[in-house]
Amino acid sequence: MLARVGRRGQADACTEVLWYINTMVEDPKLLVERVQTGVRMEKRLLKVLKAFAEFHDMTLGDLLEGIVLHAFDGKLPFNPASIERIQELKRFYDFDLDSSASHRLKEIKARPARRRAADK
C-alpha cells in the first residue's frame, strides 16, 4: 500500500512512504539439542560441502541439517544458482563423483602418519 504522508501525519503530495501491511511475520526459532558427531565421509566431498557452507556464511552442521531435512520431505535442497556453485566447487576440488556412486564407495586404508625425526 502506498501512502503519501507529510508533516504531522497529514496527506502530502511531496513525500511518499511505503507502508507494508501484514508483511512483518515473526519467524519463530525452534530450539533443538545438538550433539557432536564424528562422521566419516569422502575427503573431496567434505571440501565441497565446507566451501559451500562458508560461501553462504553458515556452519557445516547447519548445511547438512538443511540438506537432510529437505531430503526427508522429498524436496530439493538447492536452487539452480546453488547447483551451479556446487558444480564450480566440484571442479575446483577435482570431485568427480555423483549420486550413482553413493552405495559403491569403499574406503582405502589410510597411510600411517610419518614420524618426525625428533620422535625416532
Protein backbone atom coordinates (compact mmCIF):
# COMPACT_ATOMS: atom_id res chain seq x y z
CA MET A 1 0.00 0.00 0.00
CA LEU A 2 1.41 3.39 -0.93
CA ALA A 3 0.52 6.36 1.25
CA ARG A 4 1.56 9.94 0.93
CA VAL A 5 2.48 11.32 4.32
CA GLY A 6 3.64 14.83 5.18
CA ARG A 7 4.39 16.66 8.41
CA ARG A 8 2.21 15.73 11.36
CA GLY A 9 0.97 12.63 9.50
CA GLN A 10 -1.19 14.63 7.09
CA ALA A 11 -1.53 13.68 3.44
CA ASP A 12 1.06 15.47 1.34
CA ALA A 13 2.00 15.18 -2.32
CA CYS A 14 5.68 15.80 -1.53
CA THR A 15 6.74 12.69 0.41
CA GLU A 16 5.98 9.07 -0.42
CA VAL A 17 6.28 6.44 2.30
CA LEU A 18 5.68 2.77 1.70
CA TRP A 19 3.54 1.03 4.29
CA TYR A 20 3.62 -2.73 4.21
CA ILE A 21 0.61 -4.29 5.82
CA ASN A 22 0.79 -7.84 7.23
CA THR A 23 4.30 -8.40 5.92
CA MET A 24 6.13 -8.40 9.24
CA VAL A 25 5.68 -12.05 10.13
CA GLU A 26 7.59 -13.24 13.15
CA ASP A 27 9.86 -16.20 12.35
CA PRO A 28 9.76 -18.38 15.45
CA LYS A 29 13.04 -20.16 16.15
CA LEU A 30 12.95 -23.84 17.00
CA LEU A 31 15.02 -24.85 19.99
CA VAL A 32 16.96 -28.06 19.41
CA GLU A 33 19.64 -30.03 21.17
CA ARG A 34 22.70 -30.63 19.00
CA VAL A 35 25.34 -33.27 19.60
CA GLN A 36 28.90 -33.56 18.38
CA THR A 37 29.41 -36.40 15.94
CA GLY A 38 32.41 -37.89 14.24
CA VAL A 39 31.17 -38.71 10.75
CA ARG A 40 33.50 -40.14 8.13
CA MET A 41 32.97 -39.10 4.52
CA GLU A 42 34.87 -38.83 1.27
CA LYS A 43 37.58 -36.18 1.59
CA ARG A 44 36.77 -34.13 -1.54
CA LEU A 45 33.04 -34.25 -0.79
CA LEU A 46 33.74 -32.74 2.61
CA LYS A 47 35.83 -29.99 1.00
CA VAL A 48 32.97 -29.11 -1.37
CA LEU A 49 30.46 -29.06 1.49
CA LYS A 50 32.67 -26.92 3.72
CA ALA A 51 33.37 -24.44 0.91
CA PHE A 52 29.64 -24.23 0.06
CA ALA A 53 28.75 -23.65 3.73
CA GLU A 54 31.45 -20.97 4.00
CA PHE A 55 30.17 -19.28 0.83
CA HIS A 56 26.74 -19.00 2.48
CA ASP A 57 28.21 -17.96 5.84
CA MET A 58 26.81 -20.97 7.65
CA THR A 59 28.26 -23.87 9.57
CA LEU A 60 28.77 -27.27 8.01
CA GLY A 61 26.30 -28.68 10.53
CA ASP A 62 23.61 -26.18 9.52
CA LEU A 63 24.17 -27.02 5.86
CA LEU A 64 23.92 -30.77 6.47
CA GLU A 65 20.79 -30.36 8.60
CA GLY A 66 19.16 -28.36 5.81
CA ILE A 67 20.09 -30.91 3.14
CA VAL A 68 18.77 -33.82 5.21
CA LEU A 69 15.54 -32.07 6.26
CA HIS A 70 14.80 -31.24 2.62
CA ALA A 71 15.59 -34.82 1.57
CA PHE A 72 13.31 -36.23 4.29
CA ASP A 73 10.47 -34.13 2.83
CA GLY A 74 11.29 -35.22 -0.71
CA LYS A 75 12.30 -31.67 -1.67
CA LEU A 76 15.35 -30.40 -3.49
CA PRO A 77 17.66 -28.56 -1.09
CA PHE A 78 19.30 -26.35 -3.75
CA ASN A 79 18.11 -23.78 -6.25
CA PRO A 80 19.70 -23.57 -9.73
CA ALA A 81 22.25 -20.94 -8.64
CA SER A 82 23.37 -23.13 -5.73
CA ILE A 83 23.70 -26.15 -8.01
CA GLU A 84 25.88 -24.09 -10.35
CA ARG A 85 28.08 -23.02 -7.40
CA ILE A 86 28.38 -26.65 -6.29
CA GLN A 87 29.45 -27.67 -9.80
CA GLU A 88 32.17 -25.00 -9.69
CA LEU A 89 33.37 -26.24 -6.31
CA LYS A 90 33.36 -29.85 -7.52
CA ARG A 91 35.60 -28.86 -10.42
CA PHE A 92 37.87 -26.85 -8.14
CA TYR A 93 38.33 -29.77 -5.72
CA ASP A 94 38.51 -32.35 -8.55
CA PHE A 95 35.44 -34.14 -7.18
CA ASP A 96 34.02 -36.32 -9.94
CA LEU A 97 31.54 -38.49 -8.03
CA ASP A 98 27.77 -38.23 -8.35
CA SER A 99 24.75 -39.96 -6.82
CA SER A 100 25.42 -43.15 -8.80
CA ALA A 101 28.49 -43.72 -6.61
CA SER A 102 26.64 -43.40 -3.30
CA HIS A 103 26.46 -47.10 -2.33
CA ARG A 104 29.62 -48.18 -4.13
CA LEU A 105 32.25 -46.25 -2.17
CA LYS A 106 34.85 -48.36 -0.42
CA GLU A 107 37.31 -46.77 1.97
CA ILE A 108 41.01 -47.27 1.40
CA LYS A 109 43.22 -47.78 4.40
CA ALA A 110 44.83 -44.54 5.39
CA ARG A 111 48.58 -44.39 5.23
CA PRO A 112 50.22 -44.30 8.64
CA ALA A 113 51.35 -40.84 9.70
CA ARG A 114 55.01 -40.17 9.06
CA ARG A 115 57.04 -39.93 12.21
CA ARG A 116 59.05 -36.81 12.78
CA ALA A 117 62.82 -37.12 13.02
CA ALA A 118 62.65 -35.94 16.65
CA ASP A 119 60.30 -38.83 17.53
CA LYS A 120 62.63 -41.56 16.19
